[in-house]
């Protein structure tokens, strides 16, 4: 049975998120709010937790998972980033954008794309997510909380609790999140003077970042 943490969306309680962080450090998989939609998360270097996360989500190793980072300086440890890429990401962070970049050796092979050696990264703007990342002191591996055979992410914490209470270790409830997932931008071509590629248009505005 999942532990349940009800937090304030704008003033999240550190005491509750410390308990959620402890679950993650013990190998847990959690459902948490973000500034786009709810997500499933676990620690990057926990093989068993990553496999559980993929099973719950119903995706294989070709599905891009995303690293949630506190800021762009942390992101640079896990992806190779040039000046053009950095300027674009600075416009969009924190916010509901996911960037696909070439992964560094810090990223375990099992969580990068098997053929392309790329990783999705983002800096979420949700205050609860940011505090959880701060308490952990490390990024989290994440995927949008869309259940197998569904097309829309789960948005209502009560629905999440009903459907996932026996599958995840914890649920962080900050009320309803936007239904839209992040806007996904593939920035890998920019390393060779190419243009960013819009993989998915979602919650993040393209006009706001000049695209």
C-alpha atoms as a PDB file:
ATOM      1  CA  UNK A   1       0.000   0.000   0.000  1.00  0.00           C
ATOM      2  CA  UNK A   2       1.421   3.359  -1.057  1.00  0.00           C
ATOM      3  CA  UNK A   3       2.188   6.061   1.489  1.00  0.00           C
ATOM      4  CA  UNK A   4       0.209   9.236   0.788  1.00  0.00           C
ATOM      5  CA  UNK A   5       1.624  12.756   1.174  1.00  0.00           C
ATOM      6  CA  UNK A   6      -0.751  15.690   0.753  1.00  0.00           C
ATOM      7  CA  UNK A   7       1.279  18.867   0.174  1.00  0.00           C
ATOM      8  CA  UNK A   8       0.431  22.490  -0.495  1.00  0.00           C
ATOM      9  CA  UNK A   9       1.114  23.288  -4.185  1.00  0.00           C
ATOM     10  CA  UNK A  10       2.712  26.673  -3.458  1.00  0.00           C
ATOM     11  CA  UNK A  11       4.146  26.098   0.038  1.00  0.00           C
ATOM     12  CA  UNK A  12       5.045  22.404   0.153  1.00  0.00           C
ATOM     13  CA  UNK A  13       5.770  20.997   3.599  1.00  0.00           C
ATOM     14  CA  UNK A  14       9.440  19.905   3.878  1.00  0.00           C
ATOM     15  CA  UNK A  15       8.578  17.348   6.575  1.00  0.00           C
ATOM     16  CA  UNK A  16       6.331  15.412   4.197  1.00  0.00           C
ATOM     17  CA  UNK A  17       8.703  15.626   1.252  1.00  0.00           C
ATOM     18  CA  UNK A  18      11.588  14.385   3.419  1.00  0.00           C
ATOM     19  CA  UNK A  19       9.522  11.251   3.992  1.00  0.00           C
ATOM     20  CA  UNK A  20       8.883  10.955   0.245  1.00  0.00           C
ATOM     21  CA  UNK A  21      12.610  11.409  -0.437  1.00  0.00           C
ATOM     22  CA  UNK A  22      13.404   8.637   2.047  1.00  0.00           C
ATOM     23  CA  UNK A  23      11.144   6.256   0.121  1.00  0.00           C
ATOM     24  CA  UNK A  24      13.004   7.068  -3.091  1.00  0.00           C
ATOM     25  CA  UNK A  25      16.362   6.513  -1.401  1.00  0.00           C
ATOM     26  CA  UNK A  26      15.169   3.050  -0.346  1.00  0.00           C
ATOM     27  CA  UNK A  27      14.435   2.127  -3.979  1.00  0.00           C
ATOM     28  CA  UNK A  28      10.844   3.315  -4.180  1.00  0.00           C
ATOM     29  CA  UNK A  29       8.785   4.393  -7.190  1.00  0.00           C
ATOM     30  CA  UNK A  30       6.576   7.439  -6.537  1.00  0.00           C
ATOM     31  CA  UNK A  31       3.828   9.352  -8.318  1.00  0.00           C
ATOM     32  CA  UNK A  32       4.547  13.085  -7.999  1.00  0.00           C
ATOM     33  CA  UNK A  33       3.133  16.347  -9.399  1.00  0.00           C
ATOM     34  CA  UNK A  34       5.033  18.482 -11.906  1.00  0.00           C
ATOM     35  CA  UNK A  35       4.293  21.693 -13.786  1.00  0.00           C
ATOM     36  CA  UNK A  36       2.901  19.689 -16.718  1.00  0.00           C
ATOM     37  CA  UNK A  37       1.243  16.524 -15.424  1.00  0.00           C
ATOM     38  CA  UNK A  38       1.788  13.888 -12.759  1.00  0.00           C
ATOM     39  CA  UNK A  39       4.844  11.678 -13.265  1.00  0.00           C
ATOM     40  CA  UNK A  40       6.281   8.394 -12.070  1.00  0.00           C
ATOM     41  CA  UNK A  41       9.767   8.843 -10.607  1.00  0.00           C
ATOM     42  CA  UNK A  42      12.628   6.831  -9.130  1.00  0.00           C
ATOM     43  CA  UNK A  43      16.356   7.172  -8.524  1.00  0.00           C
ATOM     44  CA  UNK A  44      18.544   7.144 -11.618  1.00  0.00           C
ATOM     45  CA  UNK A  45      21.025   4.535 -10.378  1.00  0.00           C
ATOM     46  CA  UNK A  46      18.514   2.000  -9.012  1.00  0.00           C
ATOM     47  CA  UNK A  47      18.161  -0.761 -11.643  1.00  0.00           C
ATOM     48  CA  UNK A  48      15.227  -2.523  -9.965  1.00  0.00           C
ATOM     49  CA  UNK A  49      13.281   0.712  -9.466  1.00  0.00           C
ATOM     50  CA  UNK A  50      13.826   1.708 -13.103  1.00  0.00           C
ATOM     51  CA  UNK A  51      12.511  -1.662 -14.274  1.00  0.00           C
ATOM     52  CA  UNK A  52       9.453  -1.303 -12.004  1.00  0.00           C
ATOM     53  CA  UNK A  53       8.800   2.191 -13.332  1.00  0.00           C
ATOM     54  CA  UNK A  54       8.874   0.901 -16.933  1.00  0.00           C
ATOM     55  CA  UNK A  55       6.506  -1.977 -16.058  1.00  0.00           C
ATOM     56  CA  UNK A  56       3.965   0.321 -14.387  1.00  0.00           C
ATOM     57  CA  UNK A  57       4.112   2.709 -17.336  1.00  0.00           C
ATOM     58  CA  UNK A  58       4.054  -0.147 -19.861  1.00  0.00           C
ATOM     59  CA  UNK A  59       7.065   0.976 -21.916  1.00  0.00           C
ATOM     60  CA  UNK A  60      10.233  -0.749 -23.120  1.00  0.00           C
ATOM     61  CA  UNK A  61      13.854   0.400 -23.182  1.00  0.00           C
ATOM     62  CA  UNK A  62      13.314   2.352 -26.423  1.00  0.00           C
ATOM     63  CA  UNK A  63      10.986   4.787 -24.668  1.00  0.00           C
ATOM     64  CA  UNK A  64      12.794   7.964 -23.632  1.00  0.00           C
ATOM     65  CA  UNK A  65      12.785   8.451 -19.883  1.00  0.00           C
ATOM     66  CA  UNK A  66      13.462  11.942 -18.540  1.00  0.00           C
ATOM     67  CA  UNK A  67      15.825  13.235 -15.888  1.00  0.00           C
ATOM     68  CA  UNK A  68      14.282  15.866 -13.621  1.00  0.00           C
ATOM     69  CA  UNK A  69      17.049  18.277 -12.577  1.00  0.00           C
ATOM     70  CA  UNK A  70      17.064  21.183 -10.125  1.00  0.00           C
ATOM     71  CA  UNK A  71      18.775  23.572 -12.538  1.00  0.00           C
ATOM     72  CA  UNK A  72      20.822  23.780 -15.724  1.00  0.00           C
ATOM     73  CA  UNK A  73      24.142  23.336 -13.922  1.00  0.00           C
ATOM     74  CA  UNK A  74      23.011  19.921 -12.687  1.00  0.00           C
ATOM     75  CA  UNK A  75      21.673  19.040 -16.132  1.00  0.00           C
ATOM     76  CA  UNK A  76      25.105  19.599 -17.687  1.00  0.00           C
ATOM     77  CA  UNK A  77      26.512  16.647 -15.720  1.00  0.00           C
ATOM     78  CA  UNK A  78      24.304  14.242 -17.664  1.00  0.00           C
ATOM     79  CA  UNK A  79      24.265  15.706 -21.189  1.00  0.00           C
ATOM     80  CA  UNK A  80      26.704  17.412 -23.526  1.00  0.00           C
ATOM     81  CA  UNK A  81      25.516  20.978 -23.992  1.00  0.00           C
ATOM     82  CA  UNK A  82      26.980  23.664 -26.264  1.00  0.00           C
ATOM     83  CA  UNK A  83      26.362  27.415 -26.099  1.00  0.00           C
ATOM     84  CA  UNK A  84      23.447  27.436 -28.580  1.00  0.00           C
ATOM     85  CA  UNK A  85      21.674  24.638 -26.757  1.00  0.00           C
ATOM     86  CA  UNK A  86      22.293  26.281 -23.382  1.00  0.00           C
ATOM     87  CA  UNK A  87      20.837  29.630 -24.499  1.00  0.00           C
ATOM     88  CA  UNK A  88      17.635  27.961 -25.698  1.00  0.00           C
ATOM     89  CA  UNK A  89      17.275  25.902 -22.522  1.00  0.00           C
ATOM     90  CA  UNK A  90      17.871  28.961 -20.353  1.00  0.00           C
ATOM     91  CA  UNK A  91      14.836  30.602 -21.980  1.00  0.00           C
ATOM     92  CA  UNK A  92      12.692  27.578 -21.169  1.00  0.00           C
ATOM     93  CA  UNK A  93      13.717  26.687 -17.622  1.00  0.00           C
ATOM     94  CA  UNK A  94      12.311  26.117 -15.182  1.00  0.00           C
ATOM     95  CA  UNK A  95       9.211  25.088 -17.074  1.00  0.00           C
ATOM     96  CA  UNK A  96       7.235  22.357 -18.859  1.00  0.00           C
ATOM     97  CA  UNK A  97       9.834  21.561 -21.532  1.00  0.00           C
ATOM     98  CA  UNK A  98      11.815  18.349 -22.063  1.00  0.00           C
ATOM     99  CA  UNK A  99      15.089  18.491 -24.002  1.00  0.00           C
ATOM    100  CA  UNK A 100      16.585  15.497 -25.787  1.00  0.00           C
ATOM    101  CA  UNK A 101      20.378  15.734 -25.687  1.00  0.00           C
ATOM    102  CA  UNK A 102      23.410  13.511 -26.155  1.00  0.00           C
ATOM    103  CA  UNK A 103      23.999  11.647 -22.889  1.00  0.00           C
ATOM    104  CA  UNK A 104      27.324  11.747 -21.031  1.00  0.00           C
ATOM    105  CA  UNK A 105      28.951   8.698 -19.439  1.00  0.00           C
ATOM    106  CA  UNK A 106      27.297   9.677 -16.143  1.00  0.00           C
ATOM    107  CA  UNK A 107      24.016   8.292 -17.519  1.00  0.00           C
ATOM    108  CA  UNK A 108      23.683   4.495 -17.172  1.00  0.00           C
ATOM    109  CA  UNK A 109      23.200   2.787 -20.526  1.00  0.00           C
ATOM    110  CA  UNK A 110      19.986   1.179 -19.372  1.00  0.00           C
ATOM    111  CA  UNK A 111      18.229   4.567 -19.092  1.00  0.00           C
ATOM    112  CA  UNK A 112      19.556   6.285 -22.221  1.00  0.00           C
ATOM    113  CA  UNK A 113      18.083   5.533 -25.640  1.00  0.00           C
ATOM    114  CA  UNK A 114      19.684   2.199 -26.685  1.00  0.00           C
ATOM    115  CA  UNK A 115      20.542   3.170 -30.255  1.00  0.00           C
ATOM    116  CA  UNK A 116      20.956   6.941 -30.085  1.00  0.00           C
ATOM    117  CA  UNK A 117      22.673   7.325 -26.659  1.00  0.00           C
ATOM    118  CA  UNK A 118      20.442  10.275 -25.886  1.00  0.00           C
ATOM    119  CA  UNK A 119      18.544  11.287 -22.752  1.00  0.00           C
ATOM    120  CA  UNK A 120      15.576  13.533 -22.063  1.00  0.00           C
ATOM    121  CA  UNK A 121      16.195  16.201 -19.425  1.00  0.00           C
ATOM    122  CA  UNK A 122      14.125  18.950 -17.882  1.00  0.00           C
ATOM    123  CA  UNK A 123      14.026  21.469 -15.040  1.00  0.00           C
ATOM    124  CA  UNK A 124      10.470  21.494 -13.642  1.00  0.00           C
ATOM    125  CA  UNK A 125       8.931  24.658 -12.242  1.00  0.00           C
ATOM    126  CA  UNK A 126       6.619  22.964  -9.712  1.00  0.00           C
ATOM    127  CA  UNK A 127       7.599  24.030  -6.172  1.00  0.00           C
ATOM    128  CA  UNK A 128       6.937  20.621  -4.664  1.00  0.00           C
ATOM    129  CA  UNK A 129       9.061  18.882  -7.285  1.00  0.00           C
ATOM    130  CA  UNK A 130      11.848  21.402  -6.834  1.00  0.00           C
ATOM    131  CA  UNK A 131      11.882  20.908  -3.057  1.00  0.00           C
ATOM    132  CA  UNK A 132      11.905  17.122  -3.442  1.00  0.00           C
ATOM    133  CA  UNK A 133      14.903  17.372  -5.806  1.00  0.00           C
ATOM    134  CA  UNK A 134      16.647  19.693  -3.352  1.00  0.00           C
ATOM    135  CA  UNK A 135      16.103  17.291  -0.458  1.00  0.00           C
ATOM    136  CA  UNK A 136      17.418  14.373  -2.516  1.00  0.00           C
ATOM    137  CA  UNK A 137      20.423  16.291  -3.825  1.00  0.00           C
ATOM    138  CA  UNK A 138      20.239  14.380  -7.095  1.00  0.00           C
ATOM    139  CA  UNK A 139      18.063  14.237 -10.214  1.00  0.00           C
ATOM    140  CA  UNK A 140      15.148  11.847 -10.548  1.00  0.00           C
ATOM    141  CA  UNK A 141      14.318   9.583 -13.458  1.00  0.00           C
ATOM    142  CA  UNK A 142      10.760  10.270 -14.597  1.00  0.00           C
ATOM    143  CA  UNK A 143       8.053   9.423 -17.105  1.00  0.00           C
ATOM    144  CA  UNK A 144       4.627  10.993 -17.610  1.00  0.00           C
ATOM    145  CA  UNK A 145       1.991   9.140 -15.601  1.00  0.00           C
ATOM    146  CA  UNK A 146       0.075   7.583 -18.485  1.00  0.00           C
ATOM    147  CA  UNK A 147      -1.095   4.046 -17.759  1.00  0.00           C
ATOM    148  CA  UNK A 148      -0.792   1.238 -20.329  1.00  0.00           C
ATOM    149  CA  UNK A 149      -3.431   1.406 -23.100  1.00  0.00           C
ATOM    150  CA  UNK A 150      -4.313   4.996 -22.123  1.00  0.00           C
ATOM    151  CA  UNK A 151      -3.507   8.179 -24.059  1.00  0.00           C
ATOM    152  CA  UNK A 152      -4.072  10.849 -21.396  1.00  0.00           C
ATOM    153  CA  UNK A 153      -2.031  11.332 -18.215  1.00  0.00           C
ATOM    154  CA  UNK A 154      -3.661  10.830 -14.816  1.00  0.00           C
ATOM    155  CA  UNK A 155      -4.411  14.218 -13.291  1.00  0.00           C
ATOM    156  CA  UNK A 156      -6.660  13.620 -10.272  1.00  0.00           C
ATOM    157  CA  UNK A 157      -4.788  12.500  -7.122  1.00  0.00           C
ATOM    158  CA  UNK A 158      -7.803  10.444  -6.026  1.00  0.00           C
ATOM    159  CA  UNK A 159      -7.741   8.529  -9.330  1.00  0.00           C
ATOM    160  CA  UNK A 160      -3.995   8.017  -8.962  1.00  0.00           C
ATOM    161  CA  UNK A 161      -4.480   6.660  -5.449  1.00  0.00           C
ATOM    162  CA  UNK A 162      -7.268   4.315  -6.546  1.00  0.00           C
ATOM    163  CA  UNK A 163      -5.351   2.896  -9.513  1.00  0.00           C
ATOM    164  CA  UNK A 164      -1.770   2.893  -8.246  1.00  0.00           C
ATOM    165  CA  UNK A 165      -1.896   2.406  -4.466  1.00  0.00           C
ATOM    166  CA  UNK A 166      -0.734  -1.218  -4.834  1.00  0.00           C
ATOM    167  CA  UNK A 167       1.831  -0.503  -7.573  1.00  0.00           C
ATOM    168  CA  UNK A 168       3.848   2.453  -6.259  1.00  0.00           C
ATOM    169  CA  UNK A 169       5.471   3.121  -2.890  1.00  0.00           C
ATOM    170  CA  UNK A 170       4.243   6.682  -2.449  1.00  0.00           C
ATOM    171  CA  UNK A 171       1.921   9.320  -3.905  1.00  0.00           C
ATOM    172  CA  UNK A 172       2.584  13.039  -3.493  1.00  0.00           C
ATOM    173  CA  UNK A 173      -0.728  14.900  -3.787  1.00  0.00           C
ATOM    174  CA  UNK A 174      -0.506  18.600  -4.654  1.00  0.00           C
ATOM    175  CA  UNK A 175      -3.954  18.815  -6.223  1.00  0.00           C
ATOM    176  CA  UNK A 176      -4.716  18.692  -9.922  1.00  0.00           C
ATOM    177  CA  UNK A 177      -1.906  19.355 -12.413  1.00  0.00           C
ATOM    178  CA  UNK A 178      -2.309  20.430 -16.046  1.00  0.00           C
ATOM    179  CA  UNK A 179      -3.457  17.577 -18.261  1.00  0.00           C
ATOM    180  CA  UNK A 180      -0.912  18.361 -20.964  1.00  0.00           C
ATOM    181  CA  UNK A 181       2.508  16.697 -20.922  1.00  0.00           C
ATOM    182  CA  UNK A 182       5.667  18.692 -21.592  1.00  0.00           C
ATOM    183  CA  UNK A 183       6.727  20.126 -24.913  1.00  0.00           C
ATOM    184  CA  UNK A 184       9.574  17.903 -26.142  1.00  0.00           C
ATOM    185  CA  UNK A 185      12.448  19.426 -28.126  1.00  0.00           C
ATOM    186  CA  UNK A 186      15.232  17.360 -29.692  1.00  0.00           C
ATOM    187  CA  UNK A 187      18.326  19.570 -29.504  1.00  0.00           C
ATOM    188  CA  UNK A 188      20.892  17.027 -30.727  1.00  0.00           C
ATOM    189  CA  UNK A 189      21.089  18.502 -34.253  1.00  0.00           C
ATOM    190  CA  UNK A 190      22.048  21.890 -32.799  1.00  0.00           C
ATOM    191  CA  UNK A 191      25.478  20.452 -31.945  1.00  0.00           C
ATOM    192  CA  UNK A 192      26.148  20.340 -35.707  1.00  0.00           C
ATOM    193  CA  UNK A 193      24.625  23.778 -36.454  1.00  0.00           C
ATOM    194  CA  UNK A 194      21.202  22.254 -37.079  1.00  0.00           C
ATOM    195  CA  UNK A 195      17.839  23.419 -35.760  1.00  0.00           C
ATOM    196  CA  UNK A 196      15.877  22.128 -32.774  1.00  0.00           C
ATOM    197  CA  UNK A 197      13.202  19.588 -33.697  1.00  0.00           C
ATOM    198  CA  UNK A 198       9.771  19.748 -32.052  1.00  0.00           C
ATOM    199  CA  UNK A 199       9.007  16.129 -31.117  1.00  0.00           C
ATOM    200  CA  UNK A 200       5.804  16.964 -29.233  1.00  0.00           C
ATOM    201  CA  UNK A 201       4.010  20.247 -28.620  1.00  0.00           C
ATOM    202  CA  UNK A 202       2.553  20.245 -25.126  1.00  0.00           C
ATOM    203  CA  UNK A 203       2.248  22.512 -22.109  1.00  0.00           C
ATOM    204  CA  UNK A 204       5.327  24.632 -22.905  1.00  0.00           C
ATOM    205  CA  UNK A 205       4.744  27.482 -25.367  1.00  0.00           C
ATOM    206  CA  UNK A 206       6.959  27.397 -28.489  1.00  0.00           C
ATOM    207  CA  UNK A 207       6.466  31.125 -29.094  1.00  0.00           C
ATOM    208  CA  UNK A 208       7.793  31.903 -25.617  1.00  0.00           C
ATOM    209  CA  UNK A 209      11.174  30.448 -26.570  1.00  0.00           C
ATOM    210  CA  UNK A 210      11.271  31.819 -30.118  1.00  0.00           C
ATOM    211  CA  UNK A 211      10.238  28.684 -32.026  1.00  0.00           C
END
